[in-house]
Amino acid sequence: MPKTSTDDRAWIAEAIRRVDADANRSAVTPLHVLPIPVPGIELYL
């Protein structure tokens, strides 16, 4: 397994922290529908 630099590890740790924080957000976070030209697909942001 290749070694990673301190900067790489810091970036990875921050990315994981942000994903975890996003997963822990309230369920009442408003979603916005993004209309796309594909029948049967709804995209929410």
C-alpha atoms as a PDB file:
ATOM      1  CA  MET A   1       0.000   0.000   0.000  1.00  0.00           C
ATOM      2  CA  PRO A   2       1.543   3.343  -1.003  1.00  0.00           C
ATOM      3  CA  LYS A   3       2.399   5.874   1.666  1.00  0.00           C
ATOM      4  CA  THR A   4       0.369   9.076   1.748  1.00  0.00           C
ATOM      5  CA  SER A   5       1.665  12.501   2.612  1.00  0.00           C
ATOM      6  CA  THR A   6       0.530  14.475   5.639  1.00  0.00           C
ATOM      7  CA  ASP A   7      -1.373  16.839   3.321  1.00  0.00           C
ATOM      8  CA  ASP A   8      -3.122  13.904   1.639  1.00  0.00           C
ATOM      9  CA  ARG A   9      -4.120  12.414   4.990  1.00  0.00           C
ATOM     10  CA  ALA A  10      -5.419  15.799   6.170  1.00  0.00           C
ATOM     11  CA  TRP A  11      -7.479  16.166   2.979  1.00  0.00           C
ATOM     12  CA  ILE A  12      -8.888  12.657   3.361  1.00  0.00           C
ATOM     13  CA  ALA A  13      -9.734  13.235   7.031  1.00  0.00           C
ATOM     14  CA  GLU A  14     -11.540  16.499   6.180  1.00  0.00           C
ATOM     15  CA  ALA A  15     -13.459  14.845   3.335  1.00  0.00           C
ATOM     16  CA  ILE A  16     -14.614  12.049   5.646  1.00  0.00           C
ATOM     17  CA  ARG A  17     -15.573  14.580   8.339  1.00  0.00           C
ATOM     18  CA  ARG A  18     -17.715  16.497   5.825  1.00  0.00           C
ATOM     19  CA  VAL A  19     -19.436  13.352   4.553  1.00  0.00           C
ATOM     20  CA  ASP A  20     -20.154  12.258   8.134  1.00  0.00           C
ATOM     21  CA  ALA A  21     -21.483  15.717   9.029  1.00  0.00           C
ATOM     22  CA  ASP A  22     -23.728  15.692   5.968  1.00  0.00           C
ATOM     23  CA  ALA A  23     -25.099  12.269   6.922  1.00  0.00           C
ATOM     24  CA  ASN A  24     -25.932  13.569  10.396  1.00  0.00           C
ATOM     25  CA  ARG A  25     -27.877  16.610   9.210  1.00  0.00           C
ATOM     26  CA  SER A  26     -31.502  17.009  10.102  1.00  0.00           C
ATOM     27  CA  ALA A  27     -34.035  15.244   7.916  1.00  0.00           C
ATOM     28  CA  VAL A  28     -35.851  18.566   7.477  1.00  0.00           C
ATOM     29  CA  THR A  29     -33.076  19.947   5.282  1.00  0.00           C
ATOM     30  CA  PRO A  30     -34.839  21.360   2.228  1.00  0.00           C
ATOM     31  CA  LEU A  31     -34.221  19.607  -1.063  1.00  0.00           C
ATOM     32  CA  HIS A  32     -34.473  21.270  -4.437  1.00  0.00           C
ATOM     33  CA  VAL A  33     -35.698  19.418  -7.509  1.00  0.00           C
ATOM     34  CA  LEU A  34     -33.418  19.752 -10.513  1.00  0.00           C
ATOM     35  CA  PRO A  35     -35.431  19.195 -13.675  1.00  0.00           C
ATOM     36  CA  ILE A  36     -33.604  16.882 -16.071  1.00  0.00           C
ATOM     37  CA  PRO A  37     -34.745  15.698 -19.503  1.00  0.00           C
ATOM     38  CA  VAL A  38     -34.867  12.003 -18.540  1.00  0.00           C
ATOM     39  CA  PRO A  39     -38.315  10.425 -18.086  1.00  0.00           C
ATOM     40  CA  GLY A  40     -38.812   8.657 -14.772  1.00  0.00           C
ATOM     41  CA  ILE A  41     -35.763  10.191 -13.087  1.00  0.00           C
ATOM     42  CA  GLU A  42     -36.083  12.832 -10.363  1.00  0.00           C
ATOM     43  CA  LEU A  43     -32.907  14.549  -9.161  1.00  0.00           C
ATOM     44  CA  TYR A  44     -32.936  16.323  -5.807  1.00  0.00           C
ATOM     45  CA  LEU A  45     -30.134  18.554  -4.578  1.00  0.00           C
END
